[in-house]
N, C-alpha and C. Protein backbone atom coordinates (compact mmCIF):
# COMPACT_ATOMS: atom_id res chain seq x y z
N MET A 1 54.10 87.92 18.87
CA MET A 1 54.89 87.51 19.75
C MET A 1 56.12 88.20 19.41
N THR A 2 57.10 88.58 21.14
CA THR A 2 58.10 89.57 20.50
C THR A 2 59.33 87.93 20.91
N ARG A 3 60.28 88.53 20.52
CA ARG A 3 61.56 87.78 20.81
C ARG A 3 61.64 87.00 21.79
N LEU A 4 61.38 87.98 22.84
CA LEU A 4 61.73 87.39 24.71
C LEU A 4 60.79 86.22 24.82
N GLU A 5 59.46 86.97 24.23
CA GLU A 5 58.66 85.51 24.75
C GLU A 5 58.88 83.88 23.89
N LEU A 6 59.65 84.30 23.11
CA LEU A 6 59.82 82.78 22.17
C LEU A 6 60.63 82.26 22.76
N LEU A 7 61.73 82.72 23.49
CA LEU A 7 62.91 82.28 23.85
C LEU A 7 62.75 81.93 25.29
N SER A 8 61.88 82.79 26.17
CA SER A 8 61.33 82.31 27.52
C SER A 8 60.80 80.74 27.67
N PRO A 9 61.10 80.11 28.66
CA PRO A 9 60.65 78.51 28.77
C PRO A 9 58.93 79.00 29.18
N PRO A 10 58.35 77.92 28.69
CA PRO A 10 56.72 78.31 29.30
C PRO A 10 56.58 78.13 30.92
N ALA A 11 55.20 79.00 30.90
CA ALA A 11 55.14 78.90 32.75
C ALA A 11 54.68 77.63 32.85
N ALA A 12 55.53 77.24 34.17
CA ALA A 12 55.15 75.80 34.65
C ALA A 12 53.56 75.94 35.56
N SER A 13 52.91 74.69 35.51
CA SER A 13 51.51 74.85 36.29
C SER A 13 52.14 74.68 37.41
N PRO A 14 51.15 75.10 38.51
CA PRO A 14 51.54 75.08 40.14
C PRO A 14 51.72 73.52 40.27
N VAL A 15 52.61 73.13 41.36
CA VAL A 15 52.42 71.73 41.93
C VAL A 15 51.64 71.60 42.72
N VAL A 16 50.84 70.35 42.82
CA VAL A 16 49.54 70.30 43.82
C VAL A 16 49.91 68.83 44.45
N ALA A 17 49.87 69.24 45.45
CA ALA A 17 50.37 68.17 46.77
C ALA A 17 49.24 66.99 46.65
N THR A 18 49.66 65.95 46.57
CA THR A 18 48.52 64.75 46.67
C THR A 18 48.69 64.40 48.05
N PRO A 19 47.67 64.16 48.78
CA PRO A 19 47.49 63.58 50.30
C PRO A 19 48.40 62.21 50.11
N ALA A 20 48.88 61.82 51.16
CA ALA A 20 49.26 60.56 50.81
C ALA A 20 48.16 59.39 51.26
N ARG A 21 48.42 58.40 50.63
CA ARG A 21 47.49 57.09 50.88
C ARG A 21 47.29 56.92 52.24
N PRO A 22 46.03 56.66 52.86
CA PRO A 22 45.72 55.88 54.15
C PRO A 22 46.52 54.63 54.01
N ALA A 23 47.14 54.06 55.08
CA ALA A 23 47.59 52.75 55.47
C ALA A 23 46.35 51.83 54.97
N ALA A 24 46.72 50.98 54.69
CA ALA A 24 45.97 49.72 54.33
C ALA A 24 45.16 49.29 55.36
N VAL A 25 43.54 49.43 55.34
CA VAL A 25 43.07 49.03 56.49
C VAL A 25 42.09 47.76 56.38
N SER A 26 41.81 46.99 57.14
CA SER A 26 41.21 45.73 56.65
C SER A 26 39.68 46.13 56.78
N LYS A 27 39.05 45.37 56.13
CA LYS A 27 37.57 45.47 56.19
C LYS A 27 36.69 44.82 57.09
N ARG A 28 37.56 44.02 58.03
CA ARG A 28 36.82 43.05 58.83
C ARG A 28 36.67 43.81 60.23
N PRO A 29 35.65 43.67 60.97
CA PRO A 29 35.36 44.69 62.23
C PRO A 29 36.68 44.37 63.19
N ARG A 30 37.06 45.55 63.75
CA ARG A 30 38.08 45.33 64.63
C ARG A 30 38.21 44.30 65.66
N GLY A 31 37.04 43.75 66.15
CA GLY A 31 36.54 42.84 67.07
C GLY A 31 36.94 41.53 66.57
N GLN A 32 36.76 41.63 65.42
CA GLN A 32 36.77 39.78 64.87
C GLN A 32 38.26 39.90 64.43
N LEU A 33 38.96 40.66 64.26
CA LEU A 33 40.57 40.92 63.93
C LEU A 33 41.16 40.50 65.10
N GLU A 34 40.65 40.90 66.21
CA GLU A 34 41.40 41.01 67.55
C GLU A 34 41.04 39.25 67.93
N LEU A 35 39.64 38.76 67.48
CA LEU A 35 39.55 37.03 67.84
C LEU A 35 40.32 36.25 67.04
N LEU A 36 40.45 36.47 65.59
CA LEU A 36 41.33 35.67 64.63
C LEU A 36 43.12 35.65 65.13
N GLN A 37 43.49 36.92 65.99
CA GLN A 37 44.39 36.76 66.25
C GLN A 37 44.94 36.20 67.30
N ALA A 38 43.62 36.14 68.21
CA ALA A 38 44.05 35.33 69.85
C ALA A 38 43.89 33.93 69.24
N LYS A 39 43.15 33.37 68.18
CA LYS A 39 42.80 32.07 68.19
C LYS A 39 44.52 31.86 67.33
N LEU A 40 44.95 32.37 66.33
CA LEU A 40 45.98 32.19 65.98
C LEU A 40 47.18 32.00 66.98
N GLU A 41 47.04 32.69 67.94
CA GLU A 41 48.18 32.97 68.78
C GLU A 41 48.18 31.61 69.91
N ARG A 42 46.80 31.30 70.32
CA ARG A 42 46.79 29.93 71.15
C ARG A 42 47.04 28.94 70.14
N ALA A 43 46.97 28.75 69.09
CA ALA A 43 47.31 27.49 68.03
C ALA A 43 48.87 27.59 68.08
N ILE A 44 49.60 28.53 67.72
CA ILE A 44 51.05 28.47 67.98
C ILE A 44 51.62 28.16 68.96
N ARG A 45 51.02 28.85 70.22
CA ARG A 45 51.83 28.36 71.38
C ARG A 45 51.45 27.12 71.76
N ARG A 46 50.09 26.64 71.54
CA ARG A 46 50.01 25.06 71.85
C ARG A 46 50.56 24.42 71.06
N ARG A 47 50.86 24.49 69.86
CA ARG A 47 51.89 23.82 68.93
C ARG A 47 53.34 24.10 69.14
N THR A 48 54.19 24.94 69.57
CA THR A 48 55.18 25.26 69.92
C THR A 48 55.41 24.89 71.33
N GLY A 49 54.65 24.81 72.05
CA GLY A 49 54.87 24.21 73.93
C GLY A 49 55.17 25.65 74.50
N ASP A 50 54.77 26.52 73.61
CA ASP A 50 55.21 28.18 74.35
C ASP A 50 56.51 28.44 74.54
N ARG A 51 57.51 28.13 73.14
CA ARG A 51 58.76 28.53 72.97
C ARG A 51 58.94 29.56 72.31
N VAL A 52 58.08 30.24 71.71
CA VAL A 52 58.05 31.39 71.01
C VAL A 52 57.90 32.89 71.89
N ARG A 53 59.00 33.65 72.26
CA ARG A 53 58.92 34.57 73.06
C ARG A 53 58.72 35.74 72.35
N ASN A 54 58.00 36.91 72.87
CA ASN A 54 57.49 37.72 72.30
C ASN A 54 56.48 37.97 70.89
N LEU A 55 55.95 36.80 71.01
CA LEU A 55 54.82 35.99 69.65
C LEU A 55 53.94 37.41 69.48
N ALA A 56 53.82 37.72 68.17
CA ALA A 56 53.05 39.22 67.80
C ALA A 56 52.56 38.70 66.42
N ILE A 57 51.04 38.77 65.99
CA ILE A 57 50.44 38.41 65.11
C ILE A 57 49.75 39.62 64.55
N ARG A 58 50.06 39.82 63.03
CA ARG A 58 49.34 41.09 62.69
C ARG A 58 48.48 40.54 61.26
N ILE A 59 47.54 40.73 61.31
CA ILE A 59 46.71 40.49 60.24
C ILE A 59 46.36 41.74 59.14
N GLN A 60 47.06 41.63 57.90
CA GLN A 60 46.58 42.80 56.95
C GLN A 60 45.64 41.86 56.02
N ASP A 61 45.40 42.72 54.81
CA ASP A 61 44.63 42.16 53.81
C ASP A 61 44.82 40.74 53.46
N HIS A 62 45.67 40.37 52.79
CA HIS A 62 45.81 38.53 52.90
C HIS A 62 47.20 38.38 53.65
N CYS A 63 47.44 38.76 54.02
CA CYS A 63 48.92 38.36 54.82
C CYS A 63 48.42 38.41 56.19
N VAL A 64 49.39 37.24 57.06
CA VAL A 64 49.12 37.21 58.37
C VAL A 64 50.67 37.04 58.77
N VAL A 65 51.13 38.03 59.08
CA VAL A 65 52.55 38.07 59.60
C VAL A 65 52.49 37.51 61.24
N VAL A 66 53.54 36.87 61.32
CA VAL A 66 53.77 36.15 62.84
C VAL A 66 55.56 36.70 62.99
N ARG A 67 55.53 37.30 64.15
CA ARG A 67 56.84 37.85 64.45
C ARG A 67 57.02 37.11 66.14
N GLY A 68 58.34 36.79 66.29
CA GLY A 68 58.76 36.88 67.82
C GLY A 68 60.37 36.06 67.61
N ARG A 69 60.67 35.38 68.60
CA ARG A 69 61.64 34.88 68.70
C ARG A 69 61.66 33.08 69.24
N CYS A 70 62.52 32.67 68.68
CA CYS A 70 62.58 30.79 69.24
C CYS A 70 64.02 30.63 69.33
N GLY A 71 64.59 29.40 69.63
CA GLY A 71 65.18 28.79 70.00
C GLY A 71 65.85 27.67 68.41
N SER A 72 65.06 27.20 67.97
CA SER A 72 65.46 26.54 67.04
C SER A 72 64.46 26.53 65.72
N PHE A 73 65.25 26.28 64.21
CA PHE A 73 64.29 26.20 63.13
C PHE A 73 63.36 25.18 63.29
N TYR A 74 63.02 24.59 63.94
CA TYR A 74 62.22 23.42 64.16
C TYR A 74 60.68 24.01 64.68
N CYS A 75 61.10 24.81 65.88
CA CYS A 75 59.81 25.74 66.63
C CYS A 75 59.66 26.82 65.50
N LYS A 76 60.63 27.40 64.98
CA LYS A 76 60.16 28.26 63.50
C LYS A 76 59.22 27.85 62.92
N GLN A 77 59.26 26.59 62.14
CA GLN A 77 58.60 25.83 61.61
C GLN A 77 56.96 25.36 61.97
N GLN A 78 57.35 24.57 63.24
CA GLN A 78 56.11 24.69 63.91
C GLN A 78 54.92 25.86 63.64
N ALA A 79 55.68 26.47 64.09
CA ALA A 79 54.53 28.11 64.61
C ALA A 79 54.00 28.04 63.01
N GLY A 80 54.58 28.43 61.93
CA GLY A 80 54.41 28.54 60.66
C GLY A 80 53.19 27.50 60.21
N GLN A 81 53.66 26.36 60.47
CA GLN A 81 52.29 25.17 60.22
C GLN A 81 50.86 25.12 61.25
N ALA A 82 51.17 25.68 62.28
CA ALA A 82 50.29 26.15 63.26
C ALA A 82 49.54 27.17 62.50
N ALA A 83 50.07 28.10 62.24
CA ALA A 83 49.04 29.18 61.49
C ALA A 83 48.57 28.84 60.41
N ILE A 84 49.18 28.17 59.40
CA ILE A 84 48.64 27.42 58.25
C ILE A 84 47.18 26.80 58.80
N ALA A 85 47.46 25.86 59.25
CA ALA A 85 46.35 24.99 60.04
C ALA A 85 45.37 25.36 60.28
N THR A 86 45.33 26.68 61.14
CA THR A 86 44.26 27.47 61.58
C THR A 86 43.73 28.12 60.41
N MET A 87 44.49 29.02 59.70
CA MET A 87 44.14 29.50 58.79
C MET A 87 43.29 28.85 57.70
N LYS A 88 43.31 27.52 57.52
CA LYS A 88 42.64 26.91 56.79
C LYS A 88 41.21 26.35 57.41
N ILE A 89 40.99 26.69 58.40
CA ILE A 89 39.36 26.25 58.81
C ILE A 89 38.66 27.78 59.03
N GLU A 90 39.31 28.62 59.03
CA GLU A 90 38.88 30.12 59.44
C GLU A 90 38.32 30.65 57.70
N PRO A 91 37.25 30.93 57.85
CA PRO A 91 36.84 31.23 56.36
C PRO A 91 37.45 32.62 55.70
N ALA A 92 37.86 33.57 56.99
CA ALA A 92 38.00 34.69 56.72
C ALA A 92 39.61 34.52 56.40
N LEU A 93 40.15 34.03 56.63
CA LEU A 93 41.70 33.95 56.25
C LEU A 93 41.92 32.66 55.29
N CYS A 94 41.04 32.11 54.66
CA CYS A 94 41.27 31.04 53.87
C CYS A 94 42.41 31.29 52.60
N ASP A 95 42.50 32.57 52.29
CA ASP A 95 43.08 32.50 51.04
C ASP A 95 44.28 33.44 51.54
N ALA A 96 44.69 33.91 52.85
CA ALA A 96 45.77 34.67 53.00
C ALA A 96 46.86 33.68 53.20
N VAL A 97 48.37 34.42 53.29
CA VAL A 97 49.37 33.85 52.88
C VAL A 97 49.90 34.04 54.56
N VAL A 98 50.65 33.08 54.84
CA VAL A 98 51.78 33.46 56.19
C VAL A 98 53.11 34.09 55.87
N ASP A 99 53.33 35.23 56.50
CA ASP A 99 54.86 35.57 56.75
C ASP A 99 55.54 35.59 57.73
N ASN A 100 56.25 34.21 57.78
CA ASN A 100 56.86 34.04 59.07
C ASN A 100 58.30 34.93 59.55
N GLN A 101 57.92 35.46 59.92
CA GLN A 101 59.23 36.60 60.66
C GLN A 101 59.84 35.77 61.79
N ILE A 102 59.43 35.12 62.27
CA ILE A 102 60.21 34.62 63.59
C ILE A 102 61.82 34.56 63.87
N GLU A 103 62.53 35.03 64.49
CA GLU A 103 64.18 35.02 64.56
C GLU A 103 64.04 33.72 65.51
N VAL A 104 65.43 33.02 65.00
CA VAL A 104 65.93 31.91 65.43
C VAL A 104 67.25 32.99 66.11
N TRP A 105 67.23 32.54 67.33
CA TRP A 105 68.68 33.25 68.42
C TRP A 105 69.24 31.81 68.60
């Protein structure tokens, strides 16, 4: 080896870009997810007297995200309890948790 080879840094290996991970996709069929979302939405609307505006429900792997707006914390609590009660009787959602992101204005 020459002196120049000893002093130069080792050649860097080429950087290979790894593809981004796809978003978490639920293993349930699309139609079943829509039915579960509709069932949760009906239960929340019934329990709160349809006082949650812009109600949106998203089911992920082990989490049910409830979003919307309501006028009181009591209404927000009722929406969360309705979601939990509905999930207990659904075998597909019995192990899921509720992420209550309803905004109180």
